[in-house]
Amino acid sequence: MTNSVIDPIRKQIVVAASQEHAFRVFTQNLDAWWPREHHIGKSPMRTSIIEPKQGGRWYEIGEDGSQCDWGTVLAWEPPRRLLLTWQITAEWTYDPAFVTEIEVLFHPDGATKTRVELEHRYLERYGQAGAQIRTVLDEGWNGTLVQYDQAVRKLA
């Protein structure tokens, strides 16, 4: 049986920063804005990291030193585009065989603002849990992007 397509999650936020700064905070300062409660490791999250290269890892390090992958970097195109895999299942565990994608585009809006567009796609790969997971992720991205905007301002 083929799963029906589930609309991607699409978010947009305008941040008060240059394109370069917006990209840098999203990627190199992930730990400054990613919610601590949004982790899948057994230990509470100490830090979150995106390795700055195509093929890099996207992962968390727990307070106990353990590492837990979230996905990989498919495209690293500073300061305009980032494409990540999200390999977290409906059971909130990492599975290297499971892949959805998150694409983030950074569009300059004058010299002091950047429009950040995020799309989380291929949610139908969650199967029967797809609609429920989409709702959870949609709400999660809302709050997470607010924290990102706050970090952009704080790190200016």
N, C-alpha and C. Protein backbone atom coordinates (compact mmCIF):
# COMPACT_ATOMS: atom_id res chain seq x y z
N MET A 1 0.83 -1.17 0.00
CA MET A 1 0.00 0.00 0.00
C MET A 1 0.88 1.25 0.00
N THR A 2 0.58 2.19 -0.86
CA THR A 2 1.35 3.42 -0.97
C THR A 2 0.82 4.47 0.00
N ASN A 3 1.72 5.11 0.71
CA ASN A 3 1.31 6.18 1.61
C ASN A 3 0.97 7.42 0.81
N SER A 4 -0.09 8.13 1.20
CA SER A 4 -0.41 9.37 0.52
C SER A 4 0.57 10.45 0.95
N VAL A 5 0.72 11.43 0.10
CA VAL A 5 1.66 12.51 0.39
C VAL A 5 1.13 13.37 1.53
N ILE A 6 2.00 13.71 2.43
CA ILE A 6 1.67 14.62 3.53
C ILE A 6 2.38 15.94 3.21
N ASP A 7 1.63 17.03 3.29
CA ASP A 7 2.21 18.33 2.98
C ASP A 7 3.45 18.57 3.84
N PRO A 8 4.49 19.12 3.23
CA PRO A 8 5.67 19.47 4.02
C PRO A 8 5.33 20.56 5.02
N ILE A 9 6.13 20.64 6.04
CA ILE A 9 6.04 21.77 6.98
C ILE A 9 6.84 22.90 6.34
N ARG A 10 6.22 24.06 6.23
CA ARG A 10 6.91 25.23 5.68
C ARG A 10 6.81 26.36 6.69
N LYS A 11 7.95 26.89 7.04
CA LYS A 11 8.03 28.00 7.99
C LYS A 11 8.87 29.11 7.38
N GLN A 12 8.55 30.33 7.80
CA GLN A 12 9.32 31.48 7.34
C GLN A 12 9.44 32.45 8.50
N ILE A 13 10.61 33.03 8.65
CA ILE A 13 10.85 34.02 9.69
C ILE A 13 11.82 35.05 9.12
N VAL A 14 11.61 36.30 9.46
CA VAL A 14 12.55 37.35 9.08
C VAL A 14 13.32 37.72 10.33
N VAL A 15 14.65 37.63 10.23
CA VAL A 15 15.51 37.95 11.37
C VAL A 15 16.28 39.22 11.09
N ALA A 16 16.59 39.94 12.13
CA ALA A 16 17.30 41.21 12.03
C ALA A 16 18.80 40.95 12.00
N ALA A 17 19.26 40.45 10.84
CA ALA A 17 20.68 40.12 10.68
C ALA A 17 21.00 39.97 9.20
N SER A 18 22.27 40.09 8.89
CA SER A 18 22.72 39.84 7.52
C SER A 18 22.53 38.36 7.20
N GLN A 19 22.55 38.05 5.93
CA GLN A 19 22.44 36.65 5.48
C GLN A 19 23.55 35.80 6.10
N GLU A 20 24.75 36.31 6.12
CA GLU A 20 25.90 35.57 6.67
C GLU A 20 25.70 35.27 8.16
N HIS A 21 25.26 36.29 8.91
CA HIS A 21 25.05 36.09 10.35
C HIS A 21 23.90 35.11 10.60
N ALA A 22 22.82 35.24 9.84
CA ALA A 22 21.68 34.33 10.01
C ALA A 22 22.10 32.89 9.76
N PHE A 23 22.88 32.65 8.71
CA PHE A 23 23.35 31.31 8.39
C PHE A 23 24.28 30.80 9.49
N ARG A 24 25.19 31.64 9.92
CA ARG A 24 26.17 31.24 10.94
C ARG A 24 25.48 30.86 12.26
N VAL A 25 24.49 31.65 12.68
CA VAL A 25 23.79 31.32 13.93
C VAL A 25 23.03 30.01 13.78
N PHE A 26 22.39 29.82 12.63
CA PHE A 26 21.62 28.59 12.42
C PHE A 26 22.52 27.36 12.45
N THR A 27 23.69 27.47 11.88
CA THR A 27 24.56 26.30 11.71
C THR A 27 25.64 26.18 12.78
N GLN A 28 26.44 27.21 12.95
CA GLN A 28 27.57 27.13 13.87
C GLN A 28 27.19 27.40 15.32
N ASN A 29 26.03 28.02 15.53
CA ASN A 29 25.58 28.31 16.89
C ASN A 29 24.28 27.58 17.22
N LEU A 30 24.09 26.42 16.61
CA LEU A 30 22.89 25.62 16.85
C LEU A 30 22.62 25.45 18.34
N ASP A 31 23.67 25.24 19.08
CA ASP A 31 23.53 24.99 20.51
C ASP A 31 22.98 26.20 21.27
N ALA A 32 23.08 27.39 20.69
CA ALA A 32 22.57 28.60 21.34
C ALA A 32 21.06 28.72 21.26
N TRP A 33 20.44 27.96 20.35
CA TRP A 33 18.99 28.11 20.18
C TRP A 33 18.19 26.81 20.13
N TRP A 34 18.84 25.69 19.91
CA TRP A 34 18.08 24.43 19.85
C TRP A 34 17.56 24.10 21.24
N PRO A 35 16.26 23.86 21.40
CA PRO A 35 15.70 23.59 22.73
C PRO A 35 16.31 22.33 23.37
N ARG A 36 16.73 22.46 24.59
CA ARG A 36 17.36 21.35 25.32
C ARG A 36 16.42 20.14 25.44
N GLU A 37 15.11 20.41 25.51
CA GLU A 37 14.17 19.30 25.66
C GLU A 37 13.95 18.55 24.35
N HIS A 38 14.43 19.08 23.24
CA HIS A 38 14.29 18.42 21.94
C HIS A 38 15.53 17.56 21.68
N HIS A 39 15.62 16.48 22.41
CA HIS A 39 16.73 15.54 22.23
C HIS A 39 16.18 14.12 22.27
N ILE A 40 16.97 13.19 21.74
CA ILE A 40 16.51 11.80 21.72
C ILE A 40 17.45 10.85 22.45
N GLY A 41 18.57 11.37 22.91
CA GLY A 41 19.51 10.53 23.65
C GLY A 41 18.96 10.16 25.02
N LYS A 42 19.55 9.15 25.62
CA LYS A 42 19.12 8.69 26.94
C LYS A 42 19.48 9.70 28.03
N SER A 43 20.59 10.39 27.84
CA SER A 43 21.05 11.39 28.80
C SER A 43 20.53 12.77 28.37
N PRO A 44 20.28 13.67 29.33
CA PRO A 44 19.92 15.04 28.94
C PRO A 44 20.98 15.62 27.99
N MET A 45 20.54 16.47 27.08
CA MET A 45 21.45 17.02 26.06
C MET A 45 22.35 18.09 26.65
N ARG A 46 23.65 17.96 26.39
CA ARG A 46 24.62 18.98 26.78
C ARG A 46 24.83 19.97 25.64
N THR A 47 24.89 19.46 24.40
CA THR A 47 25.14 20.33 23.25
C THR A 47 24.60 19.69 21.97
N SER A 48 24.39 20.53 20.97
CA SER A 48 23.94 20.06 19.65
C SER A 48 24.85 20.66 18.59
N ILE A 49 25.13 19.88 17.55
CA ILE A 49 26.17 20.27 16.58
C ILE A 49 25.73 19.92 15.16
N ILE A 50 26.03 20.83 14.23
CA ILE A 50 25.98 20.54 12.79
C ILE A 50 27.41 20.70 12.29
N GLU A 51 27.99 19.63 11.77
CA GLU A 51 29.34 19.72 11.22
C GLU A 51 29.28 20.51 9.91
N PRO A 52 30.14 21.53 9.75
CA PRO A 52 30.03 22.48 8.64
C PRO A 52 30.62 21.99 7.31
N LYS A 53 29.99 20.93 6.77
CA LYS A 53 30.45 20.40 5.48
C LYS A 53 29.42 19.42 4.94
N GLN A 54 29.39 19.28 3.62
CA GLN A 54 28.55 18.25 3.03
C GLN A 54 29.05 16.90 3.54
N GLY A 55 28.12 16.06 3.97
CA GLY A 55 28.49 14.77 4.54
C GLY A 55 28.72 14.82 6.03
N GLY A 56 28.66 16.02 6.61
CA GLY A 56 28.86 16.17 8.05
C GLY A 56 27.69 15.60 8.84
N ARG A 57 27.94 15.39 10.11
CA ARG A 57 26.91 14.88 11.01
C ARG A 57 26.12 16.03 11.63
N TRP A 58 24.89 15.70 12.00
CA TRP A 58 24.02 16.58 12.79
C TRP A 58 23.64 15.73 13.99
N TYR A 59 24.04 16.16 15.20
CA TYR A 59 23.91 15.26 16.34
C TYR A 59 23.89 16.02 17.67
N GLU A 60 23.62 15.25 18.72
CA GLU A 60 23.65 15.79 20.07
C GLU A 60 24.70 15.04 20.88
N ILE A 61 25.20 15.73 21.90
CA ILE A 61 26.08 15.10 22.89
C ILE A 61 25.38 15.23 24.23
N GLY A 62 25.21 14.10 24.90
CA GLY A 62 24.52 14.09 26.18
C GLY A 62 25.43 14.52 27.32
N GLU A 63 24.81 14.81 28.43
CA GLU A 63 25.57 15.20 29.63
C GLU A 63 26.53 14.10 30.06
N ASP A 64 26.22 12.86 29.70
CA ASP A 64 27.10 11.74 30.06
C ASP A 64 28.19 11.50 29.00
N GLY A 65 28.27 12.37 27.96
CA GLY A 65 29.27 12.24 26.92
C GLY A 65 28.83 11.40 25.73
N SER A 66 27.68 10.75 25.83
CA SER A 66 27.20 9.93 24.72
C SER A 66 26.80 10.82 23.54
N GLN A 67 26.92 10.26 22.33
CA GLN A 67 26.54 10.97 21.12
C GLN A 67 25.35 10.28 20.48
N CYS A 68 24.45 11.07 19.93
CA CYS A 68 23.26 10.54 19.29
C CYS A 68 23.02 11.31 17.99
N ASP A 69 23.13 10.62 16.86
CA ASP A 69 22.93 11.26 15.57
C ASP A 69 21.47 11.63 15.36
N TRP A 70 21.27 12.72 14.61
CA TRP A 70 19.95 13.14 14.15
C TRP A 70 19.85 13.02 12.64
N GLY A 71 21.00 13.16 11.96
CA GLY A 71 21.01 13.12 10.50
C GLY A 71 22.35 13.56 9.96
N THR A 72 22.35 13.91 8.67
CA THR A 72 23.58 14.34 8.01
C THR A 72 23.33 15.59 7.18
N VAL A 73 24.43 16.23 6.80
CA VAL A 73 24.38 17.42 5.96
C VAL A 73 24.45 16.97 4.50
N LEU A 74 23.37 17.20 3.74
CA LEU A 74 23.35 16.86 2.32
C LEU A 74 23.90 17.98 1.45
N ALA A 75 23.66 19.23 1.86
CA ALA A 75 24.17 20.39 1.12
C ALA A 75 24.59 21.46 2.11
N TRP A 76 25.78 21.98 1.91
CA TRP A 76 26.35 23.04 2.74
C TRP A 76 26.75 24.15 1.80
N GLU A 77 25.92 25.20 1.70
CA GLU A 77 26.14 26.28 0.74
C GLU A 77 26.03 27.63 1.43
N PRO A 78 26.99 27.94 2.31
CA PRO A 78 26.93 29.21 3.03
C PRO A 78 27.04 30.39 2.06
N PRO A 79 26.32 31.45 2.31
CA PRO A 79 25.39 31.68 3.41
C PRO A 79 23.93 31.52 2.98
N ARG A 80 23.67 30.76 1.90
CA ARG A 80 22.31 30.77 1.35
C ARG A 80 21.49 29.51 1.55
N ARG A 81 22.13 28.34 1.74
CA ARG A 81 21.32 27.11 1.76
C ARG A 81 21.98 26.04 2.62
N LEU A 82 21.10 25.31 3.34
CA LEU A 82 21.49 24.16 4.15
C LEU A 82 20.45 23.08 3.92
N LEU A 83 20.90 21.87 3.64
CA LEU A 83 19.99 20.74 3.46
C LEU A 83 20.46 19.61 4.37
N LEU A 84 19.57 19.19 5.26
CA LEU A 84 19.87 18.16 6.26
C LEU A 84 18.94 16.98 6.11
N THR A 85 19.42 15.81 6.47
CA THR A 85 18.50 14.70 6.67
C THR A 85 18.04 14.75 8.12
N TRP A 86 16.81 14.32 8.34
CA TRP A 86 16.23 14.16 9.68
C TRP A 86 15.91 12.68 9.75
N GLN A 87 16.71 11.93 10.49
CA GLN A 87 16.60 10.48 10.50
C GLN A 87 16.07 9.99 11.85
N ILE A 88 15.07 10.71 12.32
CA ILE A 88 14.45 10.40 13.60
C ILE A 88 13.06 9.85 13.32
N THR A 89 12.82 8.66 13.81
CA THR A 89 11.58 7.94 13.53
C THR A 89 10.42 8.45 14.38
N ALA A 90 9.25 7.90 14.13
CA ALA A 90 8.06 8.24 14.91
C ALA A 90 8.21 7.82 16.38
N GLU A 91 9.14 6.92 16.66
CA GLU A 91 9.41 6.50 18.04
C GLU A 91 10.49 7.36 18.68
N TRP A 92 10.91 8.42 18.00
CA TRP A 92 11.92 9.36 18.47
C TRP A 92 13.27 8.67 18.71
N THR A 93 13.64 7.83 17.75
CA THR A 93 14.95 7.19 17.77
C THR A 93 15.62 7.44 16.42
N TYR A 94 16.93 7.45 16.40
CA TYR A 94 17.70 7.61 15.17
C TYR A 94 17.71 6.29 14.42
N ASP A 95 17.46 6.36 13.10
CA ASP A 95 17.51 5.18 12.24
C ASP A 95 18.19 5.61 10.94
N PRO A 96 19.41 5.11 10.67
CA PRO A 96 20.12 5.54 9.46
C PRO A 96 19.40 5.18 8.16
N ALA A 97 18.44 4.26 8.22
CA ALA A 97 17.69 3.85 7.03
C ALA A 97 16.44 4.71 6.81
N PHE A 98 16.09 5.54 7.80
CA PHE A 98 14.90 6.39 7.71
C PHE A 98 15.35 7.81 7.40
N VAL A 99 14.74 8.44 6.38
CA VAL A 99 15.18 9.78 5.98
C VAL A 99 14.01 10.68 5.62
N THR A 100 13.92 11.82 6.32
CA THR A 100 13.14 12.96 5.84
C THR A 100 14.17 14.07 5.65
N GLU A 101 13.77 15.18 5.06
CA GLU A 101 14.73 16.25 4.78
C GLU A 101 14.25 17.58 5.33
N ILE A 102 15.23 18.38 5.74
CA ILE A 102 14.99 19.75 6.16
C ILE A 102 15.87 20.65 5.30
N GLU A 103 15.23 21.52 4.53
CA GLU A 103 15.97 22.49 3.72
C GLU A 103 15.75 23.87 4.32
N VAL A 104 16.83 24.61 4.49
CA VAL A 104 16.75 25.96 5.03
C VAL A 104 17.41 26.90 4.04
N LEU A 105 16.66 27.92 3.61
CA LEU A 105 17.15 28.92 2.67
C LEU A 105 17.23 30.25 3.38
N PHE A 106 18.27 31.01 3.08
CA PHE A 106 18.52 32.31 3.70
C PHE A 106 18.54 33.36 2.59
N HIS A 107 17.52 34.22 2.57
CA HIS A 107 17.37 35.24 1.52
C HIS A 107 17.61 36.62 2.13
N PRO A 108 18.62 37.37 1.62
CA PRO A 108 18.82 38.72 2.14
C PRO A 108 17.59 39.59 1.88
N ASP A 109 17.25 40.40 2.86
CA ASP A 109 16.15 41.35 2.76
C ASP A 109 16.73 42.71 3.15
N GLY A 110 17.46 43.30 2.23
CA GLY A 110 18.23 44.49 2.54
C GLY A 110 19.52 44.10 3.24
N ALA A 111 20.20 45.09 3.79
CA ALA A 111 21.50 44.83 4.43
C ALA A 111 21.38 44.31 5.85
N THR A 112 20.22 44.52 6.47
CA THR A 112 20.12 44.20 7.90
C THR A 112 19.07 43.17 8.25
N LYS A 113 18.44 42.56 7.25
CA LYS A 113 17.44 41.53 7.53
C LYS A 113 17.63 40.34 6.59
N THR A 114 17.19 39.18 7.06
CA THR A 114 17.24 37.96 6.26
C THR A 114 15.94 37.20 6.46
N ARG A 115 15.36 36.77 5.35
CA ARG A 115 14.18 35.90 5.39
C ARG A 115 14.69 34.46 5.39
N VAL A 116 14.34 33.73 6.42
CA VAL A 116 14.76 32.34 6.57
C VAL A 116 13.55 31.47 6.27
N GLU A 117 13.68 30.60 5.28
CA GLU A 117 12.61 29.68 4.90
C GLU A 117 13.03 28.26 5.23
N LEU A 118 12.20 27.56 5.96
CA LEU A 118 12.48 26.18 6.35
C LEU A 118 11.39 25.28 5.79
N GLU A 119 11.81 24.18 5.19
CA GLU A 119 10.86 23.17 4.73
C GLU A 119 11.30 21.81 5.25
N HIS A 120 10.40 21.13 5.96
CA HIS A 120 10.64 19.76 6.45
C HIS A 120 9.73 18.87 5.62
N ARG A 121 10.32 18.02 4.78
CA ARG A 121 9.55 17.28 3.77
C ARG A 121 9.75 15.77 3.86
N TYR A 122 8.91 15.09 3.06
CA TYR A 122 8.86 13.62 2.97
C TYR A 122 8.29 13.01 4.25
N LEU A 123 7.35 13.71 4.86
CA LEU A 123 6.76 13.25 6.11
C LEU A 123 5.87 12.03 5.92
N GLU A 124 5.45 11.76 4.69
CA GLU A 124 4.67 10.54 4.42
C GLU A 124 5.49 9.28 4.72
N ARG A 125 6.79 9.43 4.83
CA ARG A 125 7.64 8.27 5.15
C ARG A 125 7.39 7.78 6.58
N TYR A 126 6.69 8.55 7.37
CA TYR A 126 6.31 8.11 8.70
C TYR A 126 5.14 7.12 8.67
N GLY A 127 4.58 6.89 7.50
CA GLY A 127 3.49 5.93 7.38
C GLY A 127 2.25 6.40 8.12
N GLN A 128 1.61 5.48 8.83
CA GLN A 128 0.36 5.80 9.53
C GLN A 128 0.53 6.88 10.59
N ALA A 129 1.73 7.06 11.10
CA ALA A 129 1.98 8.08 12.12
C ALA A 129 2.24 9.46 11.50
N GLY A 130 2.26 9.54 10.18
CA GLY A 130 2.65 10.76 9.48
C GLY A 130 1.89 12.01 9.87
N ALA A 131 0.57 11.94 9.90
CA ALA A 131 -0.23 13.13 10.22
C ALA A 131 0.03 13.60 11.65
N GLN A 132 0.11 12.66 12.58
CA GLN A 132 0.37 13.01 13.97
C GLN A 132 1.78 13.59 14.13
N ILE A 133 2.76 12.97 13.51
CA ILE A 133 4.14 13.46 13.60
C ILE A 133 4.24 14.85 12.97
N ARG A 134 3.52 15.06 11.85
CA ARG A 134 3.55 16.37 11.21
C ARG A 134 3.07 17.44 12.17
N THR A 135 2.00 17.17 12.91
CA THR A 135 1.47 18.13 13.88
C THR A 135 2.49 18.43 14.97
N VAL A 136 3.12 17.40 15.49
CA VAL A 136 4.12 17.57 16.55
C VAL A 136 5.31 18.37 16.04
N LEU A 137 5.82 18.01 14.86
CA LEU A 137 6.97 18.71 14.29
C LEU A 137 6.63 20.15 13.94
N ASP A 138 5.43 20.38 13.42
CA ASP A 138 5.00 21.73 13.06
C ASP A 138 5.02 22.64 14.30
N GLU A 139 4.44 22.15 15.38
CA GLU A 139 4.44 22.92 16.63
C GLU A 139 5.87 23.10 17.16
N GLY A 140 6.67 22.05 17.04
CA GLY A 140 8.05 22.13 17.49
C GLY A 140 8.85 23.17 16.73
N TRP A 141 8.69 23.21 15.41
CA TRP A 141 9.42 24.20 14.61
C TRP A 141 8.98 25.62 14.96
N ASN A 142 7.71 25.82 15.29
CA ASN A 142 7.26 27.17 15.67
C ASN A 142 8.09 27.70 16.84
N GLY A 143 8.15 26.94 17.91
CA GLY A 143 8.89 27.37 19.09
C GLY A 143 10.38 27.43 18.87
N THR A 144 10.89 26.49 18.11
CA THR A 144 12.32 26.44 17.85
C THR A 144 12.78 27.66 17.06
N LEU A 145 12.00 28.07 16.08
CA LEU A 145 12.38 29.24 15.29
C LEU A 145 12.28 30.54 16.09
N VAL A 146 11.40 30.60 17.06
CA VAL A 146 11.37 31.76 17.97
C VAL A 146 12.69 31.81 18.74
N GLN A 147 13.14 30.68 19.23
CA GLN A 147 14.41 30.64 19.96
C GLN A 147 15.58 30.97 19.03
N TYR A 148 15.51 30.54 17.77
CA TYR A 148 16.54 30.90 16.79
C TYR A 148 16.60 32.42 16.62
N ASP A 149 15.44 33.05 16.44
CA ASP A 149 15.38 34.50 16.27
C ASP A 149 16.00 35.20 17.48
N GLN A 150 15.70 34.72 18.68
CA GLN A 150 16.27 35.31 19.89
C GLN A 150 17.79 35.17 19.91
N ALA A 151 18.30 34.03 19.47
CA ALA A 151 19.75 33.81 19.43
C ALA A 151 20.40 34.71 18.39
N VAL A 152 19.74 34.92 17.25
CA VAL A 152 20.28 35.82 16.22
C VAL A 152 20.48 37.21 16.83
N ARG A 153 19.50 37.68 17.58
CA ARG A 153 19.59 39.01 18.20
C ARG A 153 20.67 39.04 19.28
N LYS A 154 20.72 38.02 20.10
CA LYS A 154 21.67 37.97 21.21
C LYS A 154 23.12 37.91 20.71
N LEU A 155 23.34 37.17 19.62
CA LEU A 155 24.70 36.97 19.11
C LEU A 155 25.12 38.02 18.08
N ALA A 156 24.31 39.05 17.91
CA ALA A 156 24.61 40.09 16.91
C ALA A 156 25.87 40.87 17.28
